[in-house]
Amino acid sequence: MNNRESIITLYHGSTYSFDAVDVNLGKPNKDFGRGFYTTRIEQHAADLARRNQQIAQSRIAMLPAMSRKNRVPAWLYTYESVHKKPRRSLSS
């Protein structure tokens, strides 16, 4: 890594377990459209995962008793990425 690069850590909270990111699986009606949302704030991602877990659990609670056996997990994913600083500004 050189002096123009730095490591940034991004977090994603989810109720789904996955091994690879697929932006096409995202919900289409989010704030910025379909995509894979991350944050630099770990607690925010964890809170979103727990919130979505509670929503999913409340939906399961409305199902017949036989369907209530499965609990919805909450997952917190951590990603590290190299951030490259721009060489120069393009504005005048």
N, C-alpha and C. Protein backbone atom coordinates (compact mmCIF):
# COMPACT_ATOMS: atom_id res chain seq x y z
N MET A 1 0.85 -1.17 0.00
CA MET A 1 0.00 0.00 0.00
C MET A 1 0.90 1.24 0.00
N ASN A 2 0.53 2.24 -0.81
CA ASN A 2 1.34 3.45 -0.88
C ASN A 2 0.68 4.59 -0.09
N ASN A 3 1.26 5.79 -0.13
CA ASN A 3 0.76 6.91 0.68
C ASN A 3 -0.56 7.47 0.16
N ARG A 4 -1.03 7.04 -1.00
CA ARG A 4 -2.34 7.48 -1.53
C ARG A 4 -3.44 6.50 -1.17
N GLU A 5 -3.10 5.44 -0.51
CA GLU A 5 -4.07 4.39 -0.20
C GLU A 5 -4.27 4.25 1.30
N SER A 6 -5.48 3.90 1.68
CA SER A 6 -5.77 3.60 3.07
C SER A 6 -6.82 2.48 3.10
N ILE A 7 -6.88 1.79 4.21
CA ILE A 7 -7.85 0.71 4.38
C ILE A 7 -9.10 1.29 5.04
N ILE A 8 -10.27 1.03 4.47
CA ILE A 8 -11.51 1.40 5.13
C ILE A 8 -12.26 0.12 5.48
N THR A 9 -12.94 0.13 6.61
CA THR A 9 -13.73 -1.01 7.06
C THR A 9 -15.19 -0.66 6.90
N LEU A 10 -15.93 -1.55 6.25
CA LEU A 10 -17.36 -1.37 6.02
C LEU A 10 -18.12 -2.52 6.67
N TYR A 11 -19.34 -2.24 7.12
CA TYR A 11 -20.16 -3.24 7.81
C TYR A 11 -21.51 -3.36 7.12
N HIS A 12 -22.05 -4.58 7.16
CA HIS A 12 -23.37 -4.86 6.60
C HIS A 12 -24.12 -5.75 7.59
N GLY A 13 -25.29 -5.30 8.03
CA GLY A 13 -26.13 -6.09 8.92
C GLY A 13 -27.23 -6.76 8.12
N SER A 14 -27.51 -8.02 8.42
CA SER A 14 -28.49 -8.77 7.63
C SER A 14 -29.13 -9.88 8.45
N THR A 15 -30.24 -10.37 7.96
CA THR A 15 -30.85 -11.58 8.52
C THR A 15 -30.60 -12.76 7.60
N TYR A 16 -29.76 -12.56 6.59
CA TYR A 16 -29.42 -13.62 5.64
C TYR A 16 -27.95 -13.99 5.75
N SER A 17 -27.67 -15.27 5.63
CA SER A 17 -26.30 -15.76 5.59
C SER A 17 -25.91 -15.92 4.12
N PHE A 18 -24.73 -15.42 3.75
CA PHE A 18 -24.29 -15.55 2.36
C PHE A 18 -22.77 -15.51 2.30
N ASP A 19 -22.24 -16.06 1.21
CA ASP A 19 -20.79 -16.10 1.02
C ASP A 19 -20.30 -15.07 0.01
N ALA A 20 -21.20 -14.58 -0.83
CA ALA A 20 -20.81 -13.61 -1.86
C ALA A 20 -21.89 -12.54 -1.97
N VAL A 21 -21.48 -11.34 -2.28
CA VAL A 21 -22.40 -10.22 -2.46
C VAL A 21 -23.00 -10.28 -3.86
N ASP A 22 -24.33 -10.16 -3.94
CA ASP A 22 -25.03 -10.09 -5.22
C ASP A 22 -26.00 -8.91 -5.12
N VAL A 23 -25.65 -7.78 -5.72
CA VAL A 23 -26.49 -6.58 -5.61
C VAL A 23 -27.87 -6.79 -6.25
N ASN A 24 -28.00 -7.76 -7.12
CA ASN A 24 -29.29 -8.02 -7.76
C ASN A 24 -30.29 -8.66 -6.82
N LEU A 25 -29.84 -9.16 -5.67
CA LEU A 25 -30.75 -9.77 -4.71
C LEU A 25 -31.35 -8.76 -3.74
N GLY A 26 -30.88 -7.52 -3.78
CA GLY A 26 -31.39 -6.49 -2.88
C GLY A 26 -32.83 -6.13 -3.18
N LYS A 27 -33.49 -5.57 -2.18
CA LYS A 27 -34.87 -5.13 -2.35
C LYS A 27 -34.91 -3.88 -3.23
N PRO A 28 -35.83 -3.81 -4.19
CA PRO A 28 -35.82 -2.71 -5.16
C PRO A 28 -36.29 -1.36 -4.63
N ASN A 29 -37.01 -1.32 -3.53
CA ASN A 29 -37.61 -0.06 -3.08
C ASN A 29 -36.89 0.58 -1.90
N LYS A 30 -35.60 0.42 -1.84
CA LYS A 30 -34.81 1.05 -0.78
C LYS A 30 -34.54 2.52 -1.12
N ASP A 31 -33.95 3.27 -0.17
CA ASP A 31 -33.72 4.71 -0.35
C ASP A 31 -32.99 5.04 -1.65
N PHE A 32 -31.97 4.26 -1.98
CA PHE A 32 -31.19 4.54 -3.18
C PHE A 32 -31.35 3.43 -4.22
N GLY A 33 -32.45 2.70 -4.14
CA GLY A 33 -32.72 1.63 -5.10
C GLY A 33 -32.08 0.32 -4.68
N ARG A 34 -32.17 -0.64 -5.58
CA ARG A 34 -31.61 -1.98 -5.33
C ARG A 34 -30.09 -1.87 -5.19
N GLY A 35 -29.55 -2.60 -4.24
CA GLY A 35 -28.11 -2.56 -4.05
C GLY A 35 -27.69 -3.28 -2.80
N PHE A 36 -26.45 -3.16 -2.44
CA PHE A 36 -25.88 -3.76 -1.24
C PHE A 36 -25.39 -2.61 -0.37
N TYR A 37 -26.10 -2.37 0.72
CA TYR A 37 -25.84 -1.21 1.56
C TYR A 37 -24.83 -1.55 2.66
N THR A 38 -23.86 -0.68 2.84
CA THR A 38 -22.87 -0.83 3.90
C THR A 38 -22.74 0.50 4.64
N THR A 39 -22.10 0.44 5.79
CA THR A 39 -21.84 1.63 6.59
C THR A 39 -20.46 1.51 7.21
N ARG A 40 -19.89 2.64 7.56
CA ARG A 40 -18.60 2.63 8.26
C ARG A 40 -18.81 2.52 9.77
N ILE A 41 -20.07 2.53 10.20
CA ILE A 41 -20.39 2.50 11.63
C ILE A 41 -20.90 1.10 12.00
N GLU A 42 -20.08 0.36 12.73
CA GLU A 42 -20.40 -1.03 13.08
C GLU A 42 -21.72 -1.13 13.85
N GLN A 43 -21.94 -0.25 14.80
CA GLN A 43 -23.16 -0.31 15.62
C GLN A 43 -24.41 -0.10 14.77
N HIS A 44 -24.34 0.76 13.77
CA HIS A 44 -25.48 1.01 12.87
C HIS A 44 -25.84 -0.27 12.12
N ALA A 45 -24.85 -0.97 11.59
CA ALA A 45 -25.11 -2.22 10.87
C ALA A 45 -25.70 -3.27 11.81
N ALA A 46 -25.17 -3.36 13.02
CA ALA A 46 -25.68 -4.33 14.00
C ALA A 46 -27.12 -4.00 14.38
N ASP A 47 -27.41 -2.71 14.57
CA ASP A 47 -28.78 -2.30 14.91
C ASP A 47 -29.76 -2.63 13.78
N LEU A 48 -29.35 -2.43 12.53
CA LEU A 48 -30.21 -2.75 11.39
C LEU A 48 -30.47 -4.25 11.32
N ALA A 49 -29.45 -5.06 11.57
CA ALA A 49 -29.63 -6.51 11.56
C ALA A 49 -30.62 -6.94 12.64
N ARG A 50 -30.48 -6.37 13.84
CA ARG A 50 -31.40 -6.71 14.94
C ARG A 50 -32.82 -6.23 14.65
N ARG A 51 -32.95 -5.04 14.07
CA ARG A 51 -34.27 -4.51 13.72
C ARG A 51 -34.95 -5.42 12.70
N ASN A 52 -34.22 -5.80 11.66
CA ASN A 52 -34.79 -6.69 10.65
C ASN A 52 -35.10 -8.07 11.22
N GLN A 53 -34.30 -8.50 12.18
CA GLN A 53 -34.56 -9.77 12.86
C GLN A 53 -35.89 -9.69 13.62
N GLN A 54 -36.11 -8.59 14.34
CA GLN A 54 -37.35 -8.43 15.10
C GLN A 54 -38.57 -8.38 14.17
N ILE A 55 -38.43 -7.70 13.04
CA ILE A 55 -39.53 -7.62 12.08
C ILE A 55 -39.86 -9.02 11.55
N ALA A 56 -38.82 -9.76 11.17
CA ALA A 56 -39.04 -11.12 10.64
C ALA A 56 -39.64 -12.03 11.70
N GLN A 57 -39.17 -11.91 12.94
CA GLN A 57 -39.73 -12.74 14.02
C GLN A 57 -41.20 -12.42 14.27
N SER A 58 -41.56 -11.15 14.17
CA SER A 58 -42.97 -10.79 14.40
C SER A 58 -43.85 -11.34 13.30
N ARG A 59 -43.32 -11.43 12.07
CA ARG A 59 -44.08 -12.03 10.97
C ARG A 59 -44.25 -13.53 11.19
N ILE A 60 -43.19 -14.18 11.68
CA ILE A 60 -43.27 -15.61 11.95
C ILE A 60 -44.28 -15.89 13.06
N ALA A 61 -44.36 -15.00 14.04
CA ALA A 61 -45.28 -15.20 15.17
C ALA A 61 -46.74 -15.25 14.71
N MET A 62 -47.03 -14.66 13.54
CA MET A 62 -48.40 -14.68 13.03
C MET A 62 -48.74 -15.96 12.28
N LEU A 63 -47.74 -16.79 12.03
CA LEU A 63 -47.96 -18.04 11.30
C LEU A 63 -48.50 -19.12 12.23
N PRO A 64 -49.05 -20.19 11.66
CA PRO A 64 -49.49 -21.31 12.50
C PRO A 64 -48.34 -21.86 13.34
N ALA A 65 -48.67 -22.48 14.46
CA ALA A 65 -47.67 -22.95 15.43
C ALA A 65 -46.59 -23.84 14.80
N MET A 66 -46.93 -24.67 13.85
CA MET A 66 -45.95 -25.57 13.21
C MET A 66 -44.85 -24.78 12.49
N SER A 67 -45.15 -23.56 12.04
CA SER A 67 -44.18 -22.76 11.29
C SER A 67 -43.29 -21.91 12.18
N ARG A 68 -43.53 -21.88 13.46
CA ARG A 68 -42.81 -20.98 14.37
C ARG A 68 -41.52 -21.55 14.92
N LYS A 69 -41.14 -22.73 14.53
CA LYS A 69 -39.96 -23.38 15.10
C LYS A 69 -38.66 -22.68 14.70
N ASN A 70 -38.60 -22.11 13.53
CA ASN A 70 -37.36 -21.49 13.04
C ASN A 70 -37.20 -20.08 13.58
N ARG A 71 -36.03 -19.81 14.12
CA ARG A 71 -35.69 -18.46 14.56
C ARG A 71 -34.92 -17.78 13.45
N VAL A 72 -35.09 -16.47 13.36
CA VAL A 72 -34.39 -15.69 12.34
C VAL A 72 -33.09 -15.18 12.95
N PRO A 73 -31.94 -15.48 12.33
CA PRO A 73 -30.66 -15.01 12.86
C PRO A 73 -30.39 -13.56 12.45
N ALA A 74 -29.46 -12.95 13.12
CA ALA A 74 -28.95 -11.62 12.72
C ALA A 74 -27.46 -11.79 12.47
N TRP A 75 -26.99 -11.28 11.35
CA TRP A 75 -25.60 -11.43 10.94
C TRP A 75 -24.96 -10.05 10.79
N LEU A 76 -23.69 -9.96 11.17
CA LEU A 76 -22.93 -8.74 10.96
C LEU A 76 -21.70 -9.10 10.12
N TYR A 77 -21.64 -8.55 8.93
CA TYR A 77 -20.53 -8.81 8.01
C TYR A 77 -19.56 -7.63 8.06
N THR A 78 -18.27 -7.93 7.96
CA THR A 78 -17.23 -6.91 7.96
C THR A 78 -16.41 -7.04 6.68
N TYR A 79 -16.21 -5.92 6.02
CA TYR A 79 -15.43 -5.89 4.77
C TYR A 79 -14.34 -4.84 4.90
N GLU A 80 -13.17 -5.16 4.40
CA GLU A 80 -12.09 -4.19 4.34
C GLU A 80 -11.77 -3.93 2.88
N SER A 81 -11.57 -2.66 2.57
CA SER A 81 -11.34 -2.27 1.20
C SER A 81 -10.22 -1.23 1.15
N VAL A 82 -9.44 -1.27 0.08
CA VAL A 82 -8.39 -0.26 -0.11
C VAL A 82 -9.05 0.96 -0.75
N HIS A 83 -8.89 2.09 -0.12
CA HIS A 83 -9.42 3.36 -0.62
C HIS A 83 -8.26 4.14 -1.22
N LYS A 84 -8.40 4.51 -2.48
CA LYS A 84 -7.35 5.29 -3.14
C LYS A 84 -7.73 6.77 -3.17
N LYS A 85 -6.85 7.60 -2.66
CA LYS A 85 -7.09 9.04 -2.67
C LYS A 85 -6.86 9.58 -4.08
N PRO A 86 -7.64 10.57 -4.49
CA PRO A 86 -7.45 11.11 -5.86
C PRO A 86 -6.08 11.77 -6.00
N ARG A 87 -5.56 11.72 -7.19
CA ARG A 87 -4.27 12.36 -7.49
C ARG A 87 -4.40 13.87 -7.47
N ARG A 88 -5.49 14.36 -8.05
CA ARG A 88 -5.69 15.82 -8.12
C ARG A 88 -7.17 16.10 -8.30
N SER A 89 -7.56 17.30 -8.02
CA SER A 89 -8.93 17.73 -8.19
C SER A 89 -9.19 18.06 -9.66
N LEU A 90 -10.36 17.72 -10.16
CA LEU A 90 -10.71 18.04 -11.54
C LEU A 90 -11.48 19.36 -11.63
N SER A 91 -11.84 19.93 -10.48
CA SER A 91 -12.56 21.21 -10.50
C SER A 91 -11.57 22.36 -10.72
N SER A 92 -12.07 23.46 -11.28
CA SER A 92 -11.17 24.58 -11.56
C SER A 92 -11.17 25.61 -10.46
